[in-house]
Amino acid sequence: MSMTNLNVEHSRRWEAVPEHINDPLALIYNEGQWTLYKVSPLNNLQYDRVKLKQYASKIRQALVCSVSAKSSLQYAVQFDPLPLKYSEDDADALRISVATTNSTKTKVAYTGILLAWGASSSLDEAVHLPYLLERGERKLGDTVKTCLQKIFDCNIKPFSFTQYQLLMFGFDFVESAPFRSTDAFVLSYTTPQADVKDKLDFKFEVGDIHIMWNGLKEEVDNISELISLMYQTLQSQIMHTIMFDVSVLDIYKITMPKAEVKSNGIVKMKTPEVVNSVLTVLNEITFNESMIES
């Protein structure tokens, strides 16, 4: 299912290793979880080396001002363009990396990737990179996003997914990514307003999901109806097995061996196919929301 530093010393020089040159997607799937954000057009974004260094310098200054004057922590920030795109019409992605250095070690404490995935728009004096994938220290991320919004006069908002949208991701994982038939497809529930720790999991095998999905596809053409009917089928199976009505609960997470999506916009994508699936479904969600807003 394709939905088609107040430390005023200069930080030590730090250079990101040009890893995964032959497979830019590996920058995403070789990591753990990412948090997804939607981004409005970036006004006056320029990719030349001088400008990218200026953007990095502004973020570094903001980070320096955010720590105590007694702190020995130093920051290095880099903006790196990446050939991470779905089509030639997409603008190059941008990776924002923040390294922190104390008296003993240097580590990459934050990474953000701005990208388009076949959903780029042609705009005058602006670049459309509608998605931000973020991982690392939350405080650093908050400062980076605040700076980006000021520099590029844009809005950055977190994604949150409805139950239906989680199912869009889950069923697309099953159909688009190479899972084994015995792999688990897990629906995790929580009651409304309850602590997510109080969860209830229901596990299916991918092979069974495939059989049910393909059977319903022969009867239903409309994708929205197909997803709804598929979930009704799973609800019926749960009711038949343990006599429990999950319709009173909310799905907050769908998990598979190399894929996971949560209602708060946190995802795990451990294969190229899963990365493509997530970004493709994001395009569909974004398109549907734009149609409603218009």
Protein backbone atom coordinates (compact mmCIF):
# COMPACT_ATOMS: atom_id res chain seq x y z
CA MET A 1 0.00 0.00 0.00
CA SER A 2 1.85 3.05 -1.18
CA MET A 3 0.10 6.27 -0.19
CA THR A 4 2.03 7.21 -3.26
CA ASN A 5 28.63 28.10 23.88
CA LEU A 6 28.45 31.85 29.18
CA ASN A 7 31.62 30.26 27.92
CA VAL A 8 33.03 32.60 25.29
CA GLU A 9 35.88 30.39 24.17
CA HIS A 10 35.69 28.97 20.72
CA SER A 11 34.79 25.30 20.71
CA ARG A 12 37.22 22.74 19.43
CA ARG A 13 36.93 22.19 15.74
CA TRP A 14 34.71 19.24 15.05
CA GLU A 15 33.93 17.72 11.69
CA ALA A 16 31.18 15.22 11.04
CA VAL A 17 32.42 12.09 9.33
CA PRO A 18 31.06 11.87 5.76
CA GLU A 19 29.45 8.53 6.55
CA HIS A 20 27.04 6.58 4.39
CA ILE A 21 27.90 8.53 1.24
CA ASN A 22 26.66 5.69 -0.94
CA ASP A 23 23.48 5.20 1.06
CA PRO A 24 22.19 8.44 2.58
CA LEU A 25 19.15 6.65 4.02
CA ALA A 26 21.53 4.77 6.32
CA LEU A 27 21.87 8.00 8.28
CA ILE A 28 18.28 7.33 9.34
CA TYR A 29 17.89 3.57 9.56
CA ASN A 30 21.21 2.94 11.33
CA GLU A 31 20.01 5.00 14.29
CA GLY A 32 17.40 4.36 16.96
CA GLN A 33 14.23 6.36 17.31
CA TRP A 34 13.42 9.69 15.69
CA THR A 35 10.82 12.34 16.49
CA LEU A 36 8.93 13.77 13.53
CA TYR A 37 8.04 17.43 12.97
CA LYS A 38 6.24 19.26 10.20
CA VAL A 39 8.02 22.32 8.81
CA SER A 40 6.68 25.25 6.79
CA PRO A 41 8.79 26.66 3.92
CA LEU A 42 12.23 27.90 4.94
CA ASN A 43 12.49 31.49 3.73
CA ASN A 44 15.77 32.65 2.21
CA LEU A 45 17.52 29.34 2.88
CA GLN A 46 20.76 29.18 0.89
CA TYR A 47 23.02 26.17 0.48
CA ASP A 48 26.36 27.89 -0.14
CA ARG A 49 29.14 27.08 2.33
CA VAL A 50 29.37 30.58 3.83
CA LYS A 51 25.65 30.78 4.55
CA LEU A 52 25.57 27.30 6.10
CA LYS A 53 28.41 28.30 8.43
CA GLN A 54 26.47 31.45 9.39
CA TYR A 55 23.37 29.41 10.26
CA ALA A 56 25.50 27.05 12.35
CA SER A 57 27.15 29.98 14.14
CA LYS A 58 23.79 31.48 15.12
CA ILE A 59 22.64 28.20 16.62
CA ARG A 60 25.93 27.74 18.45
CA GLN A 61 25.63 31.25 19.95
CA ALA A 62 22.14 30.44 21.20
CA LEU A 63 23.36 27.20 22.74
CA VAL A 64 26.24 28.96 24.49
CA CYS A 65 23.87 31.53 25.95
CA SER A 66 21.62 28.77 27.28
CA VAL A 67 24.22 27.31 29.69
CA SER A 68 25.73 28.58 32.92
CA ALA A 69 28.78 30.85 32.75
CA LYS A 70 30.57 28.29 34.94
CA SER A 71 29.92 25.47 32.50
CA SER A 72 32.94 23.93 30.77
CA LEU A 73 30.72 22.53 28.04
CA GLN A 74 31.57 23.64 24.52
CA TYR A 75 29.47 23.31 21.38
CA ALA A 76 30.18 22.76 17.71
CA VAL A 77 27.38 22.99 15.16
CA GLN A 78 27.40 21.95 11.52
CA PHE A 79 24.97 22.24 8.63
CA ASP A 80 25.59 19.61 5.96
CA PRO A 81 23.60 19.28 2.72
CA LEU A 82 22.71 15.67 1.93
CA PRO A 83 21.64 13.96 -1.32
CA LEU A 84 18.71 12.52 0.62
CA LYS A 85 15.67 12.85 -1.60
CA TYR A 86 12.94 10.88 -3.32
CA SER A 87 13.07 12.65 -6.68
CA GLU A 88 15.28 15.10 -8.52
CA ASP A 89 12.66 17.78 -7.93
CA ASP A 90 13.22 17.62 -4.17
CA ALA A 91 15.62 20.10 -2.59
CA ASP A 92 18.71 18.60 -0.96
CA ALA A 93 18.20 17.58 2.64
CA LEU A 94 20.06 19.34 5.45
CA ARG A 95 21.62 17.65 8.46
CA ILE A 96 22.10 19.80 11.58
CA SER A 97 24.58 18.24 14.00
CA VAL A 98 25.46 19.48 17.48
CA ALA A 99 28.57 18.09 19.20
CA THR A 100 29.30 18.78 22.86
CA THR A 101 32.76 18.74 24.39
CA ASN A 102 33.71 18.70 28.04
CA SER A 103 37.06 18.07 29.68
CA THR A 104 37.06 14.40 28.79
CA LYS A 105 35.16 13.68 25.60
CA THR A 106 33.30 14.90 22.54
CA LYS A 107 30.00 13.41 21.46
CA VAL A 108 27.28 14.12 18.92
CA ALA A 109 24.44 15.14 21.23
CA TYR A 110 21.84 16.15 18.66
CA THR A 111 21.02 15.44 15.03
CA GLY A 112 18.23 16.92 12.98
CA ILE A 113 17.52 16.14 9.34
CA LEU A 114 15.34 18.44 7.23
CA LEU A 115 14.11 16.78 4.08
CA ALA A 116 11.46 16.42 1.44
CA TRP A 117 10.35 13.07 0.07
CA GLY A 118 8.52 13.72 -3.15
CA ALA A 119 6.46 16.43 -1.45
CA SER A 120 8.56 19.47 -2.27
CA SER A 121 6.97 22.63 -3.66
CA SER A 122 8.51 25.18 -6.00
CA LEU A 123 8.54 28.48 -4.14
CA ASP A 124 10.06 31.90 -4.71
CA GLU A 125 12.81 32.74 -2.21
CA ALA A 126 12.00 29.74 -0.03
CA VAL A 127 12.93 26.06 0.17
CA HIS A 128 10.35 23.46 1.04
CA LEU A 129 11.74 20.75 3.33
CA PRO A 130 8.49 19.78 5.04
CA TYR A 131 9.83 17.19 7.50
CA LEU A 132 12.29 17.37 10.38
CA LEU A 133 13.59 14.10 11.83
CA GLU A 134 15.18 14.71 15.21
CA ARG A 135 17.09 12.69 17.78
CA GLY A 136 19.32 13.52 20.74
CA GLU A 137 19.08 15.75 23.80
CA ARG A 138 15.70 17.45 24.10
CA LYS A 139 17.01 20.81 25.38
CA LEU A 140 19.40 21.05 22.44
CA GLY A 141 16.58 20.21 20.05
CA ASP A 142 14.34 22.89 21.52
CA THR A 143 17.06 25.52 21.04
CA VAL A 144 17.80 24.35 17.50
CA LYS A 145 14.14 24.48 16.48
CA THR A 146 13.67 27.94 18.03
CA CYS A 147 16.68 29.22 16.08
CA LEU A 148 15.53 27.66 12.81
CA GLN A 149 12.14 29.34 13.16
CA LYS A 150 13.81 32.73 13.72
CA ILE A 151 16.42 32.36 10.97
CA PHE A 152 14.02 31.14 8.29
CA ASP A 153 10.74 32.69 9.48
CA CYS A 154 9.12 29.26 9.51
CA ASN A 155 6.94 27.17 11.79
CA ILE A 156 8.01 23.80 13.20
CA LYS A 157 5.34 21.73 14.89
CA PRO A 158 5.43 18.16 16.22
CA PHE A 159 3.43 15.47 14.52
CA SER A 160 0.80 13.64 16.53
CA PHE A 161 -1.03 10.75 14.95
CA THR A 162 -4.61 9.65 15.25
CA GLN A 163 -5.52 5.99 15.56
CA TYR A 164 -6.45 5.87 11.90
CA GLN A 165 -3.10 7.41 10.91
CA LEU A 166 -1.23 4.86 13.04
CA LEU A 167 -3.07 2.14 11.14
CA MET A 168 -2.04 3.78 7.85
CA PHE A 169 1.59 3.35 8.91
CA GLY A 170 1.12 -0.16 10.27
CA PHE A 171 -0.59 -1.64 7.22
CA ASP A 172 1.87 0.11 4.90
CA PHE A 173 4.74 -1.49 6.85
CA VAL A 174 3.18 -4.89 6.27
CA GLU A 175 2.72 -4.38 2.57
CA SER A 176 5.86 -2.39 1.70
CA ALA A 177 8.64 -3.77 3.90
CA PRO A 178 10.24 -7.26 3.76
CA PHE A 179 8.99 -8.86 6.96
CA ARG A 180 8.73 -12.60 7.54
CA SER A 181 5.29 -14.14 7.80
CA THR A 182 5.99 -15.17 11.41
CA ASP A 183 7.09 -11.68 12.48
CA ALA A 184 4.90 -9.98 15.04
CA PHE A 185 2.53 -7.12 14.31
CA VAL A 186 1.68 -5.61 17.70
CA LEU A 187 -1.11 -3.16 18.52
CA SER A 188 -0.51 -1.39 21.85
CA TYR A 189 -3.45 0.25 23.59
CA THR A 190 -3.99 2.62 26.46
CA THR A 191 -7.25 3.86 27.91
CA PRO A 192 -8.03 7.54 27.30
CA GLN A 193 -6.18 9.89 29.69
CA ALA A 194 -4.44 6.91 31.31
CA ASP A 195 -0.71 6.50 31.89
CA VAL A 196 0.91 4.94 28.82
CA LYS A 197 2.66 2.54 31.18
CA ASP A 198 -0.74 0.90 31.72
CA LYS A 199 -0.77 -0.67 28.32
CA LEU A 200 -2.37 -3.65 26.68
CA ASP A 201 -0.73 -5.39 23.71
CA PHE A 202 -2.34 -7.59 21.09
CA LYS A 203 -0.06 -9.55 18.79
CA PHE A 204 -0.75 -10.87 15.30
CA GLU A 205 1.51 -12.55 12.75
CA VAL A 206 2.44 -10.58 9.66
CA GLY A 207 1.42 -13.51 7.45
CA ASP A 208 -2.11 -13.43 8.86
CA ILE A 209 -2.31 -9.67 8.38
CA HIS A 210 -1.24 -10.14 4.75
CA ILE A 211 -3.95 -12.73 4.11
CA MET A 212 -6.69 -10.57 5.61
CA TRP A 213 -5.47 -7.43 3.86
CA ASN A 214 -5.22 -9.06 0.44
CA GLY A 215 -8.64 -10.60 0.84
CA LEU A 216 -10.25 -7.27 1.66
CA LYS A 217 -8.42 -5.56 -1.22
CA GLU A 218 -10.34 -7.75 -3.64
CA GLU A 219 -13.60 -6.37 -2.27
CA VAL A 220 -12.76 -2.71 -1.53
CA ASP A 221 -11.07 -0.11 -3.73
CA ASN A 222 -11.19 2.91 -1.43
CA ILE A 223 -8.10 2.96 0.80
CA SER A 224 -9.86 4.68 3.71
CA GLU A 225 -12.59 2.09 3.70
CA LEU A 226 -10.03 -0.68 3.34
CA ILE A 227 -8.11 0.46 6.43
CA SER A 228 -11.33 0.78 8.44
CA LEU A 229 -12.56 -2.67 7.42
CA MET A 230 -9.17 -4.21 8.13
CA TYR A 231 -9.17 -2.80 11.65
CA GLN A 232 -12.74 -3.97 12.22
CA THR A 233 -11.56 -7.46 11.26
CA LEU A 234 -8.73 -7.30 13.80
CA GLN A 235 -11.14 -6.03 16.46
CA SER A 236 -13.45 -8.94 15.73
CA GLN A 237 -10.57 -11.42 16.06
CA ILE A 238 -9.63 -9.97 19.44
CA MET A 239 -13.24 -10.14 20.61
CA HIS A 240 -13.56 -13.74 19.40
CA THR A 241 -10.30 -14.78 21.07
CA ILE A 242 -10.54 -13.15 24.52
CA MET A 243 -14.03 -11.65 24.55
CA PHE A 244 -12.72 -8.10 24.93
CA ASP A 245 -13.95 -5.04 23.06
CA VAL A 246 -10.90 -2.95 22.15
CA SER A 247 -13.06 -0.28 20.51
CA VAL A 248 -13.21 1.45 23.93
CA LEU A 249 -9.41 1.77 23.93
CA ASP A 250 -6.97 3.92 21.96
CA ILE A 251 -4.05 2.60 19.93
CA TYR A 252 -0.95 4.56 20.91
CA LYS A 253 1.73 2.42 19.25
CA ILE A 254 2.20 -0.12 16.46
CA THR A 255 5.34 -2.25 16.59
CA MET A 256 7.07 -4.66 14.24
CA PRO A 257 10.62 -6.08 14.42
CA LYS A 258 12.24 -3.21 12.51
CA ALA A 259 9.49 -0.60 12.60
CA GLU A 260 7.57 1.30 15.25
CA VAL A 261 5.31 4.32 15.26
CA LYS A 262 3.77 6.08 18.26
CA SER A 263 0.92 8.55 18.45
CA ASN A 264 3.33 11.24 19.77
CA GLY A 265 5.28 11.23 16.49
CA ILE A 266 8.18 9.03 17.60
CA VAL A 267 9.23 6.38 15.08
CA LYS A 268 11.81 3.63 14.67
CA MET A 269 12.88 2.87 11.10
CA LYS A 270 15.51 0.14 10.82
CA THR A 271 15.44 -0.64 7.08
CA PRO A 272 15.39 1.50 3.92
CA GLU A 273 11.94 0.15 3.08
CA VAL A 274 10.55 1.25 6.45
CA VAL A 275 12.07 4.73 6.04
CA ASN A 276 10.41 5.02 2.64
CA SER A 277 7.12 3.75 4.07
CA VAL A 278 7.10 6.29 6.91
CA LEU A 279 7.92 9.23 4.65
CA THR A 280 5.43 8.13 2.00
CA VAL A 281 2.61 7.85 4.55
CA LEU A 282 3.64 11.24 5.97
CA ASN A 283 3.11 12.68 2.50
CA GLU A 284 -0.40 11.24 2.43
CA ILE A 285 -1.22 12.52 5.91
CA THR A 286 0.13 15.98 5.09
CA PHE A 287 -1.83 16.08 1.84
CA ASN A 288 -5.06 15.04 3.56
CA GLU A 289 -4.60 17.67 6.28
CA SER A 290 -3.91 20.39 3.70
CA MET A 291 -7.10 19.47 1.86
CA ILE A 292 -9.11 19.78 5.10
CA GLU A 293 -7.51 23.14 5.95
CA SER A 294 -8.24 24.52 2.49
